[in-house]
């Protein structure tokens, strides 16, 4: 089951030790959420950074792509990493991250302040369920957005790479995020979810994508009456959804 969720890479500089990396499908879903956030996050926390893949991708998409900020001195996003397992350290840590803290994330994160975005990618399944819920609640209180990736439900995984923290001890699903706004993507046998206590970015929810497509189609058709009808229907549906929440 582990192989379906994450791939393996070798740290050639340290004798070929194996270390984990998220699957390509999850990497894509996570980064689609990251770039959808507007305004772009200026302070990001990557919890359980592993080899540093998400740090490199955030630098590529938030700094280099379109803006052309290739030099470290020009970067505008502060990127902080937390990793419990020191042997995962490699040159990407020093290149992509402004700070790296090695230790227990549950204890470290509350000391690091607030963030625009926190990445909890393949993290929660390594925590006992109640510890994970408390930790997630704390992270949501200190960050505008949180991205979670995890296997769907509990999957067996023992300690690997000499890292006891790689053991799976809990299972997670969309039902665990009912207390906040959620945009959810299935990724093979896992999922990626964007969470927020406030409103989600436009276009990341299924409803947002549908309304965007309808709007484009009606504008292309042309008649002003159709576009007014679209706006009226949208207003009524959104009002009903808000009423159900209250």
Protein backbone atom coordinates (compact mmCIF):
# COMPACT_ATOMS: atom_id res chain seq x y z
CA UNK A 1 0.00 0.00 0.00
CA UNK A 2 2.89 2.32 0.70
CA UNK A 3 4.07 2.06 -2.89
CA UNK A 4 0.69 3.27 -4.16
CA UNK A 5 0.88 6.44 -2.11
CA UNK A 6 4.51 7.48 -2.19
CA UNK A 7 7.58 6.80 -4.29
CA UNK A 8 11.16 6.38 -3.09
CA UNK A 9 14.27 8.38 -3.93
CA UNK A 10 17.90 7.86 -3.03
CA UNK A 11 20.14 10.34 -1.28
CA UNK A 12 23.18 9.74 -3.46
CA UNK A 13 25.31 12.11 -1.42
CA UNK A 14 24.84 9.90 1.65
CA UNK A 15 25.46 6.43 0.31
CA UNK A 16 22.13 5.75 -1.39
CA UNK A 17 19.80 5.79 1.64
CA UNK A 18 16.12 5.54 0.74
CA UNK A 19 13.65 8.25 1.68
CA UNK A 20 9.97 8.89 0.82
CA UNK A 21 8.35 11.31 -1.61
CA UNK A 22 4.66 11.85 -2.39
CA UNK A 23 3.21 10.30 -5.54
CA UNK A 24 3.15 12.41 -8.70
CA UNK A 25 -0.66 12.54 -8.56
CA UNK A 26 -0.61 14.00 -5.06
CA UNK A 27 2.17 16.44 -5.93
CA UNK A 28 0.07 17.78 -8.79
CA UNK A 29 -3.11 18.13 -6.69
CA UNK A 30 -1.27 19.87 -3.84
CA UNK A 31 0.38 22.39 -6.15
CA UNK A 32 -2.90 23.12 -7.96
CA UNK A 33 -4.31 24.19 -4.59
CA UNK A 34 -1.18 26.18 -3.71
CA UNK A 35 -1.27 28.28 -6.88
CA UNK A 36 -5.06 28.79 -6.57
CA UNK A 37 -4.64 30.74 -3.33
CA UNK A 38 -4.93 34.48 -3.88
CA UNK A 39 -3.16 36.59 -2.88
CA UNK A 40 -0.17 34.28 -3.10
CA UNK A 41 0.93 33.04 0.34
CA UNK A 42 3.89 34.96 1.76
CA UNK A 43 4.60 32.68 4.74
CA UNK A 44 4.37 28.90 4.28
CA UNK A 45 5.03 26.07 6.73
CA UNK A 46 5.87 22.62 5.34
CA UNK A 47 5.34 20.03 8.09
CA UNK A 48 7.09 16.69 7.59
CA UNK A 49 9.13 18.10 4.72
CA UNK A 50 10.93 14.80 4.02
CA UNK A 51 13.37 15.34 1.18
CA UNK A 52 12.04 18.86 0.51
CA UNK A 53 9.98 18.25 -2.63
CA UNK A 54 7.20 20.70 -1.77
CA UNK A 55 9.73 23.37 -0.87
CA UNK A 56 11.30 23.08 -4.31
CA UNK A 57 7.91 23.11 -6.04
CA UNK A 58 6.76 26.16 -4.07
CA UNK A 59 9.91 28.02 -5.10
CA UNK A 60 9.36 27.02 -8.72
CA UNK A 61 5.68 28.02 -8.90
CA UNK A 62 5.53 30.95 -6.46
CA UNK A 63 8.89 32.59 -7.20
CA UNK A 64 10.32 31.50 -10.54
CA UNK A 65 7.25 30.88 -12.70
CA UNK A 66 5.94 34.10 -14.32
CA UNK A 67 7.77 36.37 -11.84
CA UNK A 68 11.29 35.28 -12.79
CA UNK A 69 12.69 35.47 -9.25
CA UNK A 70 15.45 32.89 -9.65
CA UNK A 71 17.90 34.26 -7.10
CA UNK A 72 17.41 33.51 -3.39
CA UNK A 73 17.85 37.17 -2.54
CA UNK A 74 14.83 38.05 -4.69
CA UNK A 75 12.43 35.49 -3.22
CA UNK A 76 9.36 36.99 -1.52
CA UNK A 77 7.89 33.90 0.19
CA UNK A 78 9.20 32.83 3.58
CA UNK A 79 9.29 29.03 3.61
CA UNK A 80 9.77 27.17 6.89
CA UNK A 81 10.16 23.40 7.20
CA UNK A 82 9.67 20.97 10.08
CA UNK A 83 10.98 17.39 9.98
CA UNK A 84 11.21 14.87 12.81
CA UNK A 85 13.88 12.68 11.14
CA UNK A 86 17.31 14.32 10.83
CA UNK A 87 18.73 11.66 8.42
CA UNK A 88 16.38 12.98 5.70
CA UNK A 89 18.48 16.16 5.56
CA UNK A 90 19.83 16.82 2.05
CA UNK A 91 20.93 19.83 -0.09
CA UNK A 92 17.32 20.74 -1.01
CA UNK A 93 16.67 21.72 2.61
CA UNK A 94 19.34 24.42 2.51
CA UNK A 95 18.37 25.65 -0.95
CA UNK A 96 14.57 25.85 -0.75
CA UNK A 97 13.85 26.70 2.89
CA UNK A 98 14.54 29.83 4.92
CA UNK A 99 14.39 27.86 8.17
CA UNK A 100 14.37 24.16 9.05
CA UNK A 101 13.37 22.89 12.48
CA UNK A 102 14.11 19.26 13.39
CA UNK A 103 11.83 17.74 16.01
CA UNK A 104 8.27 16.79 16.92
CA UNK A 105 5.89 18.93 14.84
CA UNK A 106 3.14 18.75 17.47
CA UNK A 107 5.46 20.54 19.90
CA UNK A 108 7.31 22.76 17.41
CA UNK A 109 4.51 24.22 15.28
CA UNK A 110 2.82 26.18 18.13
CA UNK A 111 6.13 28.02 18.65
CA UNK A 112 6.48 29.20 15.04
CA UNK A 113 3.75 31.83 14.80
CA UNK A 114 1.08 32.27 12.13
CA UNK A 115 1.12 31.42 8.42
CA UNK A 116 -0.73 32.04 5.18
CA UNK A 117 -0.50 28.34 4.29
CA UNK A 118 0.48 25.14 6.11
CA UNK A 119 1.24 21.91 4.25
CA UNK A 120 0.36 18.70 6.13
CA UNK A 121 1.22 16.28 3.35
CA UNK A 122 1.27 12.60 4.40
CA UNK A 123 1.47 13.65 8.06
CA UNK A 124 -1.79 13.04 9.92
CA UNK A 125 -1.81 9.26 9.37
CA UNK A 126 1.40 9.09 11.44
CA UNK A 127 -0.32 10.60 14.49
CA UNK A 128 -2.83 8.99 16.87
CA UNK A 129 -6.29 10.16 15.80
CA UNK A 130 -7.04 12.39 18.79
CA UNK A 131 -3.54 13.89 18.70
CA UNK A 132 -3.98 14.53 14.98
CA UNK A 133 -7.36 16.21 15.46
CA UNK A 134 -5.99 18.52 18.16
CA UNK A 135 -2.93 19.29 16.04
CA UNK A 136 -5.04 20.05 12.95
CA UNK A 137 -7.32 22.30 14.97
CA UNK A 138 -4.30 24.24 16.25
CA UNK A 139 -2.85 24.56 12.74
CA UNK A 140 -6.18 25.85 11.38
CA UNK A 141 -6.22 28.49 14.11
CA UNK A 142 -2.84 29.86 13.03
CA UNK A 143 -3.06 29.58 9.22
CA UNK A 144 -5.43 30.99 6.59
CA UNK A 145 -5.26 27.74 4.61
CA UNK A 146 -4.14 24.18 5.32
CA UNK A 147 -3.48 21.51 2.68
CA UNK A 148 -3.78 17.92 3.89
CA UNK A 149 -2.87 14.79 1.95
CA UNK A 150 -3.30 11.27 3.29
CA UNK A 151 -4.30 7.74 2.33
CA UNK A 152 -8.07 7.14 2.37
CA UNK A 153 -8.75 5.47 5.70
CA UNK A 154 -6.23 3.43 7.64
CA UNK A 155 -3.50 1.70 5.62
CA UNK A 156 -0.86 -0.55 7.12
CA UNK A 157 2.70 0.72 7.19
CA UNK A 158 5.42 -0.17 9.66
CA UNK A 159 8.48 1.88 10.59
CA UNK A 160 10.70 2.13 7.49
CA UNK A 161 14.04 3.73 6.57
CA UNK A 162 14.96 3.40 10.23
CA UNK A 163 12.31 6.03 10.99
CA UNK A 164 9.75 5.06 13.62
CA UNK A 165 7.70 8.13 12.68
CA UNK A 166 6.91 6.55 9.28
CA UNK A 167 4.53 4.09 10.97
CA UNK A 168 0.81 4.57 10.15
CA UNK A 169 -1.30 4.76 13.30
CA UNK A 170 -4.57 6.39 12.14
CA UNK A 171 -6.87 6.72 9.14
CA UNK A 172 -8.42 9.90 7.70
CA UNK A 173 -11.22 10.83 5.33
CA UNK A 174 -13.27 13.84 4.23
CA UNK A 175 -15.63 13.27 7.18
CA UNK A 176 -12.85 14.34 9.55
CA UNK A 177 -12.92 17.90 8.18
CA UNK A 178 -16.58 18.78 8.73
CA UNK A 179 -15.76 21.74 10.96
CA UNK A 180 -14.28 23.84 8.14
CA UNK A 181 -14.61 24.66 4.46
CA UNK A 182 -13.13 21.89 2.29
CA UNK A 183 -12.08 21.44 -1.33
CA UNK A 184 -11.34 17.75 -1.89
CA UNK A 185 -9.51 15.80 -4.60
CA UNK A 186 -9.24 12.00 -4.80
CA UNK A 187 -5.77 10.77 -5.77
CA UNK A 188 -5.67 7.03 -6.36
CA UNK A 189 -5.94 5.40 -2.93
CA UNK A 190 -5.44 8.74 -1.19
CA UNK A 191 -6.73 12.30 -1.22
CA UNK A 192 -5.69 15.94 -1.06
CA UNK A 193 -7.86 18.51 0.73
CA UNK A 194 -7.65 22.29 1.01
CA UNK A 195 -9.07 23.42 4.37
CA UNK A 196 -9.96 26.84 5.74
CA UNK A 197 -11.97 28.33 8.57
CA UNK A 198 -12.84 31.14 6.14
CA UNK A 199 -13.88 31.18 2.50
CA UNK A 200 -12.01 29.01 0.01
CA UNK A 201 -10.36 30.53 -3.08
CA UNK A 202 -12.72 30.92 -6.02
CA UNK A 203 -12.59 28.07 -8.51
CA UNK A 204 -11.20 25.35 -6.24
CA UNK A 205 -14.54 23.93 -5.15
CA UNK A 206 -16.66 21.85 -7.50
CA UNK A 207 -19.43 24.46 -7.42
CA UNK A 208 -16.94 27.21 -8.22
CA UNK A 209 -15.59 25.32 -11.24
CA UNK A 210 -19.11 24.58 -12.54
CA UNK A 211 -20.21 28.22 -12.24
CA UNK A 212 -17.04 29.38 -14.00
CA UNK A 213 -17.76 27.07 -16.94
CA UNK A 214 -21.41 28.18 -17.11
CA UNK A 215 -20.40 31.83 -17.01
CA UNK A 216 -17.93 31.38 -19.87
CA UNK A 217 -20.51 29.51 -21.96
CA UNK A 218 -23.24 32.13 -21.43
CA UNK A 219 -20.90 35.01 -22.22
CA UNK A 220 -19.99 33.29 -25.48
CA UNK A 221 -23.68 32.80 -26.35
CA UNK A 222 -24.09 36.51 -25.99
CA UNK A 223 -27.66 37.50 -25.06
CA UNK A 224 -27.68 39.74 -22.00
CA UNK A 225 -30.90 38.12 -20.81
CA UNK A 226 -29.21 34.74 -20.45
CA UNK A 227 -26.38 36.23 -18.45
CA UNK A 228 -28.83 38.00 -16.14
CA UNK A 229 -30.66 34.68 -15.68
CA UNK A 230 -27.38 33.00 -14.77
CA UNK A 231 -26.66 35.66 -12.14
CA UNK A 232 -30.15 35.34 -10.67
CA UNK A 233 -29.95 31.53 -10.43
CA UNK A 234 -26.49 31.70 -8.90
CA UNK A 235 -27.63 34.25 -6.32
CA UNK A 236 -30.60 32.11 -5.27
CA UNK A 237 -28.55 28.90 -5.00
CA UNK A 238 -25.83 30.58 -2.97
CA UNK A 239 -28.47 32.10 -0.67
CA UNK A 240 -30.00 28.65 -0.10
CA UNK A 241 -26.57 27.17 0.65
CA UNK A 242 -25.84 29.94 3.16
CA UNK A 243 -29.24 29.40 4.80
CA UNK A 244 -28.49 25.68 5.25
CA UNK A 245 -25.18 26.53 6.94
CA UNK A 246 -26.94 28.83 9.40
